[in-house]
């Protein structure tokens, strides 16, 4: 056969053996976006493709979700401009607290001349809470639906549509300034659609990360990667605050994040590589375990990683050997034995052929279950640990998002060391909560990797959050240093478990051992867990606005502390299992050490 002539069967294996790079290039051209195809020609992606591509995906998805969070923050920043006279209410310390003769029911809702109708009324906090709730509730409801869709469509298209749609509707909030819109229904309507489109973000990026990264050091890696939420919150505070001042065009506080989202959506469309197979790289470890077990069951033997060379491309020799085994129904080493057996006993040959045929059918069924069908909602709920972590995240995210939306307002209108810091300084102090969140996400993730116990790590942090919230309410006003320290600690202890559950835990459960025949569960599981958390996020700011309005901030902080305790309580079953596992591991380690020393003596 000529070197350039393609054989009739099997064309894929022989073609790869003769011209591997051209075959791989054809695969890349079919599967990769334009930008990803161009990147494949850069030297760094050819020298160490496995490391380079994974670092590239880590950075790209980080920027992607940073943009999502950046676009969620502006409304809480601009709220101080939309309703600047909320400090005249009886429970606002800066500007009006202490006026015991002021009755909320006697305040004329149209007395406030500053601000932007319909927000500048006596019920401004309740109205702002309702606006936040319209986004959060919609986001939570559509998050589960987005997860189910994300496991069934091309993730690059899915994220592109979500980001561009989000950017358009976030920009429409800024258009209200220039169009002189004062209807509450307009803001609620736009926020609903912002929530719908932004629900695409988390299931999409979690599924992409699950495609590229395995379980090794997942807690630490995801803790570092999840800092995109805090970075997005910081940018979403710092950038809008440039225009969120009296006399400034606050419309740009929404237009700029909206334009960033649209640009990033185009970048994702052009440059996102959804799966490592699209560039000829092996899957991460949780896929390889499944592949190697199936290979061993078929008699192929060997570890999954041995099928790939140093660059991560599947070994041509292994491909050829695997194909030969499939074609002949047995390996070369088995050939002589099989011939002897056939001569001695024909019944054994028939039995072996039936067995191999059954294994081939089971392998084919396994292949289509894993590659073709996404998991159902009920199937995802049956995965051990999904319900517990989802409920824990409900209360954890309730606290986290209450701080996210209300902390700038709380700091602005409560005195520190006897004086008020003002809106701009309050926004800057509020960003320290996100700085603490970055540290907390990394710390909690690293701790969970070291002790190999996700539930224990979450419970430790949430229990520490309770006294921290108590101290913040009753001690932070003493000095600026106390305020800074307690805001940082609040971010560390609250955002740490929140980050771990939404990232490492979601990917652990989305690639659970019970799903070895179905790897299309990451987005669905992540959406269920984060969807339940987002219901808590929707509930938190609304309740905080109502409770602080009618019962005061002391009561609001009690609600937050109880929520932290309940979050830990939801993990009680998993906590006991992990403690028992750690005890058995420690006991086994001690026994081995004692036996080793006894043997030496």
Protein backbone atom coordinates (compact mmCIF):
# COMPACT_ATOMS: atom_id res chain seq x y z
CA UNK A 1 0.00 0.00 0.00
CA UNK A 2 1.33 3.43 -0.91
CA UNK A 3 2.29 5.76 1.90
CA UNK A 4 -0.28 8.33 0.85
CA UNK A 5 -3.08 5.86 0.16
CA UNK A 6 -5.76 5.55 2.82
CA UNK A 7 -6.75 2.01 3.76
CA UNK A 8 -10.37 0.97 3.66
CA UNK A 9 -10.43 -0.09 7.33
CA UNK A 10 -9.82 1.42 9.76
CA UNK A 11 -9.07 4.83 8.19
CA UNK A 12 -8.67 6.75 11.47
CA UNK A 13 -5.93 4.59 13.00
CA UNK A 14 -3.78 4.09 9.91
CA UNK A 15 -4.13 7.71 8.91
CA UNK A 16 -2.95 8.82 12.35
CA UNK A 17 -0.04 6.42 12.21
CA UNK A 18 1.14 7.86 8.91
CA UNK A 19 0.32 11.56 9.36
CA UNK A 20 -0.57 12.16 13.04
CA UNK A 21 -0.21 15.93 13.02
CA UNK A 22 -2.43 16.39 9.94
CA UNK A 23 -5.11 14.16 11.44
CA UNK A 24 -4.94 16.09 14.69
CA UNK A 25 -5.08 19.39 12.79
CA UNK A 26 -8.26 18.30 11.02
CA UNK A 27 -9.79 17.46 14.39
CA UNK A 28 -8.78 20.88 15.74
CA UNK A 29 -10.19 22.74 12.75
CA UNK A 30 -13.55 21.01 13.20
CA UNK A 31 -13.88 21.45 16.94
CA UNK A 32 -12.00 24.62 17.88
CA UNK A 33 -13.22 28.23 17.67
CA UNK A 34 -11.29 30.58 15.42
CA UNK A 35 -9.27 32.14 18.23
CA UNK A 36 -8.44 28.77 19.78
CA UNK A 37 -7.27 27.47 16.40
CA UNK A 38 -4.97 30.46 15.99
CA UNK A 39 -3.58 29.98 19.50
CA UNK A 40 -2.59 26.41 18.65
CA UNK A 41 0.18 27.83 16.45
CA UNK A 42 1.84 29.67 19.35
CA UNK A 43 5.02 28.06 20.62
CA UNK A 44 3.95 27.92 24.26
CA UNK A 45 0.98 25.68 23.39
CA UNK A 46 3.24 23.31 21.45
CA UNK A 47 6.03 23.05 24.04
CA UNK A 48 3.94 22.02 27.07
CA UNK A 49 0.38 21.66 25.74
CA UNK A 50 -1.15 20.01 28.81
CA UNK A 51 0.07 22.69 31.22
CA UNK A 52 -0.31 25.61 28.79
CA UNK A 53 -3.88 24.86 27.75
CA UNK A 54 -5.04 24.26 31.33
CA UNK A 55 -3.47 27.52 32.51
CA UNK A 56 -5.12 29.26 29.56
CA UNK A 57 -8.58 27.84 30.43
CA UNK A 58 -8.07 28.75 34.09
CA UNK A 59 -7.36 32.39 33.19
CA UNK A 60 -10.10 32.66 30.55
CA UNK A 61 -12.86 31.25 32.77
CA UNK A 62 -11.58 33.42 35.64
CA UNK A 63 -12.01 36.56 33.52
CA UNK A 64 -15.36 35.29 32.26
CA UNK A 65 -16.93 34.93 35.69
CA UNK A 66 -15.20 38.05 37.00
CA UNK A 67 -17.23 39.92 34.38
CA UNK A 68 -20.43 38.26 35.57
CA UNK A 69 -19.85 39.37 39.15
CA UNK A 70 -18.69 42.83 38.11
CA UNK A 71 -22.07 43.39 36.43
CA UNK A 72 -24.03 42.35 39.56
CA UNK A 73 -22.55 44.85 41.98
CA UNK A 74 -23.32 48.32 40.50
CA UNK A 75 -26.90 48.58 41.77
CA UNK A 76 -25.85 48.27 45.41
CA UNK A 77 -23.26 51.02 44.79
CA UNK A 78 -25.62 53.34 42.93
CA UNK A 79 -28.32 52.82 45.59
CA UNK A 80 -26.61 55.46 47.72
CA UNK A 81 -27.21 57.96 44.92
CA UNK A 82 -30.69 56.78 44.05
CA UNK A 83 -31.80 57.08 47.69
CA UNK A 84 -29.29 59.31 49.51
CA UNK A 85 -31.78 60.44 52.15
CA UNK A 86 -32.41 56.99 53.59
CA UNK A 87 -30.17 58.23 56.40
CA UNK A 88 -33.08 60.38 57.59
CA UNK A 89 -34.93 57.29 58.69
CA UNK A 90 -35.09 56.54 62.43
CA UNK A 91 -32.80 53.49 62.27
CA UNK A 92 -29.99 55.15 60.30
CA UNK A 93 -27.19 56.23 62.64
CA UNK A 94 -25.59 58.82 60.39
CA UNK A 95 -27.82 61.85 59.97
CA UNK A 96 -30.97 61.05 61.86
CA UNK A 97 -30.73 58.33 64.48
CA UNK A 98 -31.69 59.54 67.88
CA UNK A 99 -34.71 61.46 66.64
CA UNK A 100 -37.09 59.43 68.77
CA UNK A 101 -40.01 61.69 67.87
CA UNK A 102 -39.79 60.74 64.18
CA UNK A 103 -42.43 58.16 63.29
CA UNK A 104 -41.91 56.19 60.10
CA UNK A 105 -45.64 56.21 59.41
CA UNK A 106 -45.69 60.03 59.50
CA UNK A 107 -42.91 60.53 56.98
CA UNK A 108 -44.21 61.79 53.65
CA UNK A 109 -42.82 59.40 51.00
CA UNK A 110 -42.36 62.35 48.63
CA UNK A 111 -40.48 64.59 51.07
CA UNK A 112 -37.06 63.71 49.69
CA UNK A 113 -35.95 65.99 46.87
CA UNK A 114 -32.52 64.39 46.34
CA UNK A 115 -32.06 61.05 44.65
CA UNK A 116 -33.97 59.35 41.87
CA UNK A 117 -37.69 58.53 42.05
CA UNK A 118 -39.10 56.00 42.84
CA UNK A 119 -36.20 55.12 45.19
CA UNK A 120 -36.01 58.32 47.26
CA UNK A 121 -38.96 57.60 49.53
CA UNK A 122 -39.33 56.72 53.20
CA UNK A 123 -39.49 53.05 52.20
CA UNK A 124 -36.29 53.20 50.17
CA UNK A 125 -34.65 50.20 51.82
CA UNK A 126 -37.66 48.00 51.16
CA UNK A 127 -37.79 49.16 47.53
CA UNK A 128 -34.07 48.53 47.04
CA UNK A 129 -34.48 45.11 48.64
CA UNK A 130 -37.34 44.35 46.26
CA UNK A 131 -35.19 45.30 43.25
CA UNK A 132 -32.42 43.02 44.50
CA UNK A 133 -34.95 40.27 45.13
CA UNK A 134 -36.36 40.47 41.59
CA UNK A 135 -32.88 39.71 40.23
CA UNK A 136 -31.89 37.11 42.82
CA UNK A 137 -35.12 35.12 42.74
CA UNK A 138 -35.11 34.98 38.93
CA UNK A 139 -31.44 34.01 38.96
CA UNK A 140 -32.08 31.19 41.45
CA UNK A 141 -35.06 29.77 39.56
CA UNK A 142 -33.40 29.83 36.15
CA UNK A 143 -30.07 28.54 37.48
CA UNK A 144 -31.35 24.96 37.68
CA UNK A 145 -32.80 25.19 34.18
CA UNK A 146 -29.51 26.63 32.91
CA UNK A 147 -27.63 23.69 34.42
CA UNK A 148 -29.85 21.18 32.65
CA UNK A 149 -29.38 23.03 29.35
CA UNK A 150 -25.61 23.46 29.78
CA UNK A 151 -25.08 19.68 30.02
CA UNK A 152 -26.86 19.27 26.67
CA UNK A 153 -25.48 22.07 24.45
CA UNK A 154 -22.18 23.54 23.32
CA UNK A 155 -20.88 25.45 26.34
CA UNK A 156 -19.14 28.06 24.20
CA UNK A 157 -22.42 29.13 22.56
CA UNK A 158 -24.23 28.85 25.87
CA UNK A 159 -21.86 31.25 27.68
CA UNK A 160 -21.70 33.63 24.73
CA UNK A 161 -25.47 34.10 24.63
CA UNK A 162 -25.61 34.50 28.40
CA UNK A 163 -22.87 37.12 28.56
CA UNK A 164 -24.07 39.24 25.65
CA UNK A 165 -27.67 39.11 26.91
CA UNK A 166 -26.55 40.07 30.42
CA UNK A 167 -24.49 42.96 29.06
CA UNK A 168 -27.42 44.35 27.09
CA UNK A 169 -29.86 44.32 30.02
CA UNK A 170 -27.32 45.65 32.54
CA UNK A 171 -26.70 48.53 30.13
CA UNK A 172 -30.45 49.20 30.01
CA UNK A 173 -30.31 50.07 33.72
CA UNK A 174 -27.87 52.83 32.81
CA UNK A 175 -30.04 53.94 29.91
CA UNK A 176 -32.74 54.80 32.50
CA UNK A 177 -30.61 57.80 33.58
CA UNK A 178 -30.39 59.28 30.10
CA UNK A 179 -33.98 58.35 29.17
CA UNK A 180 -35.23 59.87 32.46
CA UNK A 181 -37.10 56.69 33.45
CA UNK A 182 -38.72 56.79 36.91
CA UNK A 183 -41.02 53.75 36.78
CA UNK A 184 -40.34 51.01 39.32
CA UNK A 185 -41.77 48.42 36.92
CA UNK A 186 -39.01 49.24 34.40
CA UNK A 187 -36.23 48.50 36.88
CA UNK A 188 -37.89 45.28 38.06
CA UNK A 189 -38.49 44.12 34.47
CA UNK A 190 -34.88 44.73 33.45
CA UNK A 191 -33.50 43.10 36.60
CA UNK A 192 -35.59 39.98 35.90
CA UNK A 193 -33.96 39.57 32.48
CA UNK A 194 -30.53 40.29 33.94
CA UNK A 195 -31.14 37.39 36.33
CA UNK A 196 -32.25 35.08 33.50
CA UNK A 197 -29.16 35.68 31.36
CA UNK A 198 -26.70 35.74 34.27
CA UNK A 199 -27.92 32.31 35.41
CA UNK A 200 -25.95 30.88 32.48
CA UNK A 201 -22.59 31.84 33.99
CA UNK A 202 -22.01 29.47 36.87
CA UNK A 203 -23.18 26.16 35.31
CA UNK A 204 -21.20 26.99 32.18
CA UNK A 205 -17.84 27.81 33.77
CA UNK A 206 -18.10 24.97 36.33
CA UNK A 207 -18.71 22.46 33.53
CA UNK A 208 -15.75 23.78 31.52
CA UNK A 209 -13.48 23.61 34.58
CA UNK A 210 -14.67 20.06 35.28
CA UNK A 211 -13.75 19.08 31.72
CA UNK A 212 -10.20 20.34 32.15
CA UNK A 213 -9.24 19.75 35.81
CA UNK A 214 -9.32 16.56 37.90
CA UNK A 215 -9.61 15.95 41.60
CA UNK A 216 -5.96 16.40 42.57
CA UNK A 217 -5.57 19.54 44.75
CA UNK A 218 -9.06 20.57 43.63
CA UNK A 219 -9.85 22.41 46.87
CA UNK A 220 -6.82 24.70 46.64
CA UNK A 221 -7.08 25.17 42.87
CA UNK A 222 -10.78 26.00 43.02
CA UNK A 223 -10.21 28.26 46.01
CA UNK A 224 -7.73 30.32 44.01
CA UNK A 225 -9.92 30.24 40.89
CA UNK A 226 -13.07 31.16 42.83
CA UNK A 227 -11.47 34.46 43.84
CA UNK A 228 -13.02 35.71 40.58
CA UNK A 229 -16.19 36.38 42.56
CA UNK A 230 -14.37 38.70 44.95
CA UNK A 231 -12.30 40.32 42.19
CA UNK A 232 -15.51 40.91 40.24
CA UNK A 233 -17.17 42.39 43.32
CA UNK A 234 -14.20 44.69 43.93
CA UNK A 235 -14.22 45.90 40.32
CA UNK A 236 -18.01 46.11 40.44
CA UNK A 237 -17.66 48.47 43.39
CA UNK A 238 -14.63 50.51 42.37
CA UNK A 239 -15.63 51.20 38.76
CA UNK A 240 -19.28 52.25 39.33
CA UNK A 241 -18.28 54.39 42.33
CA UNK A 242 -16.51 56.73 39.88
CA UNK A 243 -19.93 57.95 38.70
CA UNK A 244 -22.03 57.03 41.77
CA UNK A 245 -21.84 60.51 43.28
CA UNK A 246 -24.20 63.42 43.54
CA UNK A 247 -24.16 65.42 40.31
CA UNK A 248 -22.41 62.68 38.33
CA UNK A 249 -24.04 60.68 35.49
CA UNK A 250 -24.70 57.45 37.38
CA UNK A 251 -25.86 55.79 34.17
CA UNK A 252 -22.22 54.99 33.34
CA UNK A 253 -22.06 52.88 36.50
CA UNK A 254 -24.18 50.34 34.58
CA UNK A 255 -23.08 51.04 31.01
CA UNK A 256 -19.39 50.26 31.61
CA UNK A 257 -19.93 46.83 33.27
CA UNK A 258 -22.53 46.03 30.59
CA UNK A 259 -20.07 46.81 27.79
CA UNK A 260 -17.39 44.71 29.52
CA UNK A 261 -19.82 41.76 29.58
CA UNK A 262 -20.58 42.11 25.86
CA UNK A 263 -16.87 42.27 24.95
CA UNK A 264 -16.08 39.23 27.14
CA UNK A 265 -18.96 37.34 25.51
CA UNK A 266 -17.33 37.88 22.12
CA UNK A 267 -13.96 36.78 23.55
CA UNK A 268 -15.54 33.58 24.90
CA UNK A 269 -17.11 32.86 21.51
CA UNK A 270 -13.77 33.24 19.74
CA UNK A 271 -11.35 31.70 22.24
CA UNK A 272 -13.04 29.21 24.63
CA UNK A 273 -11.89 25.59 24.19
CA UNK A 274 -14.57 23.52 25.88
CA UNK A 275 -12.89 20.14 26.14
CA UNK A 276 -9.24 18.97 26.20
CA UNK A 277 -10.07 16.34 23.57
CA UNK A 278 -10.56 19.18 21.08
CA UNK A 279 -6.81 19.82 21.16
CA UNK A 280 -5.78 16.17 21.46
CA UNK A 281 -5.20 16.17 25.23
CA UNK A 282 -6.28 13.48 27.70
CA UNK A 283 -9.20 14.03 30.06
CA UNK A 284 -8.55 14.87 33.74
CA UNK A 285 -8.01 12.19 36.34
CA UNK A 286 -11.61 11.46 37.25
CA UNK A 287 -12.23 10.51 33.60
CA UNK A 288 -9.04 8.50 33.33
CA UNK A 289 -10.00 6.32 36.28
CA UNK A 290 -13.21 5.43 34.52
CA UNK A 291 -11.43 4.80 31.22
CA UNK A 292 -8.73 2.62 32.75
CA UNK A 293 -11.27 0.46 34.59
CA UNK A 294 -13.19 -0.14 31.38
CA UNK A 295 -9.93 -0.93 29.61
CA UNK A 296 -8.99 -3.45 32.28
CA UNK A 297 -12.44 -5.04 32.05
CA UNK A 298 -11.90 -5.50 28.29
CA UNK A 299 -8.48 -7.03 28.91
CA UNK A 300 -6.54 -4.02 27.64
CA UNK A 301 -4.63 -3.61 30.93
CA UNK A 302 -2.36 -0.76 31.88
CA UNK A 303 -2.99 2.58 33.47
CA UNK A 304 -4.98 5.28 31.73
CA UNK A 305 -2.08 7.70 31.74
CA UNK A 306 0.17 5.19 29.91
CA UNK A 307 -1.99 5.62 26.83
CA UNK A 308 -0.61 9.13 26.40
CA UNK A 309 2.85 10.43 25.63
CA UNK A 310 4.71 13.25 27.38
CA UNK A 311 2.79 15.88 25.42
CA UNK A 312 -0.55 14.42 26.42
CA UNK A 313 -1.35 13.00 22.94
CA UNK A 314 -2.56 9.42 22.79
CA UNK A 315 0.26 7.03 21.94
CA UNK A 316 0.05 5.86 18.33
CA UNK A 317 1.38 2.46 19.35
CA UNK A 318 -1.33 2.13 21.98
CA UNK A 319 -3.98 3.21 19.46
CA UNK A 320 -2.77 0.60 16.97
CA UNK A 321 -2.57 -2.11 19.63
CA UNK A 322 -6.03 -1.24 20.98
CA UNK A 323 -7.54 -1.34 17.50
CA UNK A 324 -5.90 -4.66 16.75
CA UNK A 325 -7.27 -6.12 19.96
CA UNK A 326 -10.75 -4.88 19.14
CA UNK A 327 -10.53 -6.16 15.56
CA UNK A 328 -9.26 -9.62 16.40
CA UNK A 329 -11.16 -9.95 19.69
CA UNK A 330 -7.97 -10.84 21.55
CA UNK A 331 -4.43 -9.63 22.14
CA UNK A 332 -1.34 -11.06 20.41
CA UNK A 333 -0.23 -12.82 23.60
CA UNK A 334 -3.58 -14.51 23.86
CA UNK A 335 -3.44 -15.72 20.26
CA UNK A 336 -1.29 -18.83 20.79
CA UNK A 337 -3.18 -19.85 23.91
CA UNK A 338 -6.49 -19.42 22.13
CA UNK A 339 -5.29 -21.63 19.25
CA UNK A 340 -4.31 -24.38 21.67
CA UNK A 341 -7.61 -24.11 23.49
CA UNK A 342 -9.55 -24.28 20.21
CA UNK A 343 -7.87 -27.50 19.30
CA UNK A 344 -8.47 -28.97 22.75
CA UNK A 345 -11.97 -27.73 23.45
CA UNK A 346 -14.25 -26.01 20.90
CA UNK A 347 -16.83 -25.21 23.55
CA UNK A 348 -14.43 -22.88 25.35
CA UNK A 349 -13.96 -20.84 22.16
CA UNK A 350 -17.72 -20.43 21.75
CA UNK A 351 -18.04 -19.39 25.38
CA UNK A 352 -15.24 -16.85 25.01
CA UNK A 353 -16.81 -15.36 21.87
CA UNK A 354 -20.16 -14.95 23.63
CA UNK A 355 -18.46 -13.37 26.63
CA UNK A 356 -16.49 -10.95 24.45
CA UNK A 357 -19.63 -10.05 22.49
CA UNK A 358 -21.47 -9.30 25.75
CA UNK A 359 -18.55 -7.17 27.01
CA UNK A 360 -18.48 -5.27 23.72
CA UNK A 361 -22.19 -4.48 23.98
CA UNK A 362 -21.81 -3.38 27.59
CA UNK A 363 -18.82 -1.23 26.64
CA UNK A 364 -20.79 0.38 23.80
CA UNK A 365 -23.73 1.02 26.13
CA UNK A 366 -21.34 2.53 28.66
CA UNK A 367 -19.87 4.78 25.98
CA UNK A 368 -23.20 6.24 24.93
CA UNK A 369 -24.35 6.68 28.53
CA UNK A 370 -21.18 8.59 29.33
CA UNK A 371 -20.87 10.68 26.18
CA UNK A 372 -24.38 11.04 24.84
CA UNK A 373 -26.87 11.41 27.67
CA UNK A 374 -26.88 14.11 30.34
CA UNK A 375 -28.05 13.24 33.84
CA UNK A 376 -31.64 13.99 34.85
CA UNK A 377 -32.60 16.35 37.65
CA UNK A 378 -33.83 13.47 39.82
CA UNK A 379 -30.68 11.49 39.11
CA UNK A 380 -28.53 14.42 40.22
CA UNK A 381 -30.51 14.79 43.45
CA UNK A 382 -29.83 11.12 44.27
CA UNK A 383 -26.06 11.65 44.30
CA UNK A 384 -24.93 11.32 47.96
CA UNK A 385 -24.25 14.73 49.49
CA UNK A 386 -26.00 16.93 46.90
CA UNK A 387 -29.03 17.74 49.07
CA UNK A 388 -27.00 18.37 52.23
CA UNK A 389 -24.53 20.71 50.57
CA UNK A 390 -27.34 22.48 48.67
CA UNK A 391 -29.17 23.22 51.94
CA UNK A 392 -25.93 24.32 53.61
CA UNK A 393 -25.27 26.70 50.73
CA UNK A 394 -28.79 28.13 51.06
CA UNK A 395 -27.91 29.60 54.46
CA UNK A 396 -24.26 30.36 53.65
CA UNK A 397 -25.18 32.32 50.53
CA UNK A 398 -27.99 34.08 52.40
CA UNK A 399 -25.33 35.62 54.65
CA UNK A 400 -22.79 36.19 51.86
CA UNK A 401 -25.18 38.05 49.57
CA UNK A 402 -26.65 40.08 52.41
CA UNK A 403 -23.14 41.42 53.00
CA UNK A 404 -22.58 41.83 49.28
CA UNK A 405 -25.65 44.05 48.80
CA UNK A 406 -26.03 45.77 52.16
CA UNK A 407 -22.48 46.29 53.48
CA UNK A 408 -21.78 49.54 51.50
CA UNK A 409 -25.02 51.01 52.80
CA UNK A 410 -24.44 49.81 56.39
CA UNK A 411 -20.90 51.24 56.53
CA UNK A 412 -21.98 54.56 54.98
CA UNK A 413 -24.77 55.23 57.48
CA UNK A 414 -23.23 53.92 60.72
CA UNK A 415 -20.54 55.94 62.50
CA UNK A 416 -16.99 54.69 63.00
CA UNK A 417 -15.13 56.23 65.92
CA UNK A 418 -17.89 58.83 66.27
CA UNK A 419 -18.01 60.03 62.65
CA UNK A 420 -19.51 58.88 59.35
CA UNK A 421 -17.15 57.88 56.55
CA UNK A 422 -19.40 58.85 53.61
CA UNK A 423 -20.48 56.92 50.54
CA UNK A 424 -17.18 56.76 48.67
CA UNK A 425 -15.10 55.57 51.64
CA UNK A 426 -17.87 53.15 52.57
CA UNK A 427 -17.65 51.57 49.11
CA UNK A 428 -13.88 51.16 49.50
CA UNK A 429 -14.23 49.63 52.99
CA UNK A 430 -16.87 47.24 51.66
CA UNK A 431 -14.35 45.86 49.14
CA UNK A 432 -12.32 44.53 52.09
CA UNK A 433 -15.06 41.95 52.58
CA UNK A 434 -14.19 40.56 49.14
CA UNK A 435 -10.47 40.65 49.94
CA UNK A 436 -11.24 38.52 53.00
CA UNK A 437 -13.34 36.30 50.73
CA UNK A 438 -10.35 35.62 48.48
CA UNK A 439 -8.24 34.60 51.49
CA UNK A 440 -11.11 32.52 52.87
CA UNK A 441 -11.71 30.63 49.63
CA UNK A 442 -8.03 29.70 49.30
CA UNK A 443 -7.67 28.83 53.00
CA UNK A 444 -10.80 26.67 53.15
CA UNK A 445 -9.92 24.90 49.92
CA UNK A 446 -6.36 24.15 51.06
CA UNK A 447 -7.63 22.90 54.43
CA UNK A 448 -10.10 20.56 52.75
CA UNK A 449 -7.32 19.13 50.56
CA UNK A 450 -4.98 18.57 53.50
CA UNK A 451 -7.52 16.77 55.71
CA UNK A 452 -9.51 15.41 52.73
CA UNK A 453 -12.76 16.49 54.36
CA UNK A 454 -14.97 19.11 52.69
CA UNK A 455 -17.78 19.13 55.28
CA UNK A 456 -15.45 19.55 58.26
CA UNK A 457 -13.73 22.50 56.56
CA UNK A 458 -17.07 24.22 55.90
CA UNK A 459 -18.38 23.66 59.42
CA UNK A 460 -15.24 25.06 61.05
CA UNK A 461 -15.48 28.27 59.05
CA UNK A 462 -19.22 28.79 59.54
CA UNK A 463 -18.97 28.32 63.31
CA UNK A 464 -16.18 30.91 63.42
CA UNK A 465 -18.39 33.28 61.42
CA UNK A 466 -20.97 33.48 64.24
CA UNK A 467 -18.80 35.27 66.85
CA UNK A 468 -17.22 37.36 64.08
CA UNK A 469 -20.62 38.77 63.08
CA UNK A 470 -21.44 39.46 66.73
CA UNK A 471 -18.19 41.40 67.18
CA UNK A 472 -18.70 43.31 63.94
CA UNK A 473 -22.10 44.57 65.04
CA UNK A 474 -21.08 45.61 68.57
CA UNK A 475 -17.34 46.37 68.37
CA UNK A 476 -16.56 47.61 64.83
CA UNK A 477 -17.71 51.17 65.60
CA UNK A 478 -14.90 51.62 68.16
CA UNK A 479 -12.22 52.40 65.59
CA UNK A 480 -11.42 52.22 61.89
CA UNK A 481 -8.88 49.45 62.57
CA UNK A 482 -11.51 47.31 64.28
CA UNK A 483 -13.88 47.83 61.35
CA UNK A 484 -11.24 46.83 58.79
CA UNK A 485 -10.19 43.73 60.76
CA UNK A 486 -13.73 42.49 61.34
CA UNK A 487 -14.80 43.09 57.72
CA UNK A 488 -11.81 41.03 56.54
CA UNK A 489 -12.58 38.23 59.00
CA UNK A 490 -16.26 38.26 58.03
CA UNK A 491 -15.30 37.80 54.38
CA UNK A 492 -12.85 35.03 55.28
CA UNK A 493 -15.24 32.94 57.39
CA UNK A 494 -18.41 33.54 55.33
CA UNK A 495 -17.05 33.34 51.78
CA UNK A 496 -14.68 30.44 52.53
CA UNK A 497 -17.39 27.73 52.82
CA UNK A 498 -19.48 29.42 50.13
CA UNK A 499 -16.53 29.24 47.71
CA UNK A 500 -15.67 25.63 48.59
CA UNK A 501 -19.23 24.33 48.16
CA UNK A 502 -19.88 26.07 44.85
CA UNK A 503 -16.57 24.97 43.28
CA UNK A 504 -14.68 21.95 44.65
CA UNK A 505 -17.71 20.26 46.23
CA UNK A 506 -19.85 20.78 43.11
CA UNK A 507 -17.15 19.26 40.90
CA UNK A 508 -16.60 16.40 43.37
CA UNK A 509 -20.28 15.53 43.29
CA UNK A 510 -20.59 16.16 39.55
CA UNK A 511 -17.90 13.53 38.97
CA UNK A 512 -19.01 11.25 41.81
CA UNK A 513 -18.03 7.58 41.76
CA UNK A 514 -21.63 6.60 41.10
CA UNK A 515 -21.47 8.54 37.80
CA UNK A 516 -18.58 6.69 36.20
CA UNK A 517 -20.77 5.91 33.20
CA UNK A 518 -22.06 9.46 32.84
CA UNK A 519 -19.76 12.46 32.90
CA UNK A 520 -22.42 14.94 31.79
CA UNK A 521 -23.52 15.89 35.29
CA UNK A 522 -21.19 18.72 36.30
CA UNK A 523 -23.37 21.62 35.16
CA UNK A 524 -26.59 20.06 36.49
CA UNK A 525 -25.14 19.26 39.93
CA UNK A 526 -23.47 22.67 40.13
CA UNK A 527 -26.74 24.37 39.17
CA UNK A 528 -28.76 22.45 41.78
CA UNK A 529 -26.34 23.34 44.57
CA UNK A 530 -25.83 26.95 43.52
CA UNK A 531 -29.52 27.30 42.64
CA UNK A 532 -30.52 26.43 46.18
CA UNK A 533 -27.84 28.81 47.43
CA UNK A 534 -29.19 31.53 45.21
CA UNK A 535 -32.64 31.13 46.74
CA UNK A 536 -30.97 31.95 50.03
CA UNK A 537 -29.21 34.84 48.34
CA UNK A 538 -32.57 36.14 47.14
CA UNK A 539 -34.15 35.69 50.56
CA UNK A 540 -31.32 37.33 52.53
CA UNK A 541 -31.24 40.92 51.19
CA UNK A 542 -35.04 41.15 51.16
CA UNK A 543 -35.37 39.98 54.77
CA UNK A 544 -32.49 42.24 55.82
CA UNK A 545 -34.20 45.27 54.31
CA UNK A 546 -37.48 44.44 56.04
CA UNK A 547 -35.98 43.49 59.44
CA UNK A 548 -33.62 46.48 59.58
CA UNK A 549 -36.49 48.81 58.64
CA UNK A 550 -38.94 47.63 61.30
CA UNK A 551 -36.86 45.87 63.99
CA UNK A 552 -33.39 47.43 63.68
CA UNK A 553 -29.94 46.21 62.72
CA UNK A 554 -29.47 44.21 65.94
CA UNK A 555 -32.27 41.89 64.83
CA UNK A 556 -30.85 41.73 61.30
CA UNK A 557 -27.48 40.52 62.62
CA UNK A 558 -29.19 37.90 64.80
CA UNK A 559 -30.82 36.52 61.63
CA UNK A 560 -27.40 36.31 59.95
CA UNK A 561 -25.80 34.53 62.91
CA UNK A 562 -28.64 31.98 63.07
CA UNK A 563 -28.21 31.37 59.33
CA UNK A 564 -24.50 30.58 59.82
CA UNK A 565 -25.37 28.05 62.52
CA UNK A 566 -28.07 26.42 60.37
CA UNK A 567 -25.63 26.14 57.45
CA UNK A 568 -23.32 24.07 59.65
CA UNK A 569 -26.23 22.03 60.98
CA UNK A 570 -27.19 20.90 57.46
CA UNK A 571 -23.86 19.10 57.15
CA UNK A 572 -24.21 17.08 60.36
CA UNK A 573 -24.52 13.67 58.65
CA UNK A 574 -21.56 14.28 56.34
CA UNK A 575 -19.61 15.77 59.24
CA UNK A 576 -20.01 12.62 61.34
CA UNK A 577 -18.97 10.42 58.39
CA UNK A 578 -15.84 12.47 57.75
CA UNK A 579 -14.89 12.49 61.44
CA UNK A 580 -15.28 8.69 61.54
CA UNK A 581 -13.16 8.38 58.40
CA UNK A 582 -10.43 10.59 59.84
CA UNK A 583 -10.49 8.54 63.04
CA UNK A 584 -10.08 5.28 61.13
CA UNK A 585 -7.25 6.75 59.06
CA UNK A 586 -5.43 8.03 62.14
CA UNK A 587 -5.92 4.72 63.95
CA UNK A 588 -4.59 2.78 60.97
CA UNK A 589 -1.59 5.10 60.68
CA UNK A 590 -0.73 4.70 64.37
CA UNK A 591 -1.08 0.91 64.17
CA UNK A 592 1.23 0.74 61.17
CA UNK A 593 3.83 2.89 62.92
CA UNK A 594 3.64 0.74 66.05
CA UNK A 595 3.89 -2.48 64.03
CA UNK A 596 6.88 -1.13 62.08
CA UNK A 597 8.74 -0.19 65.27
CA UNK A 598 7.86 -3.53 66.89
CA UNK A 599 9.20 -5.39 63.85
CA UNK A 600 12.48 -3.46 63.91
CA UNK A 601 12.95 -4.22 67.60
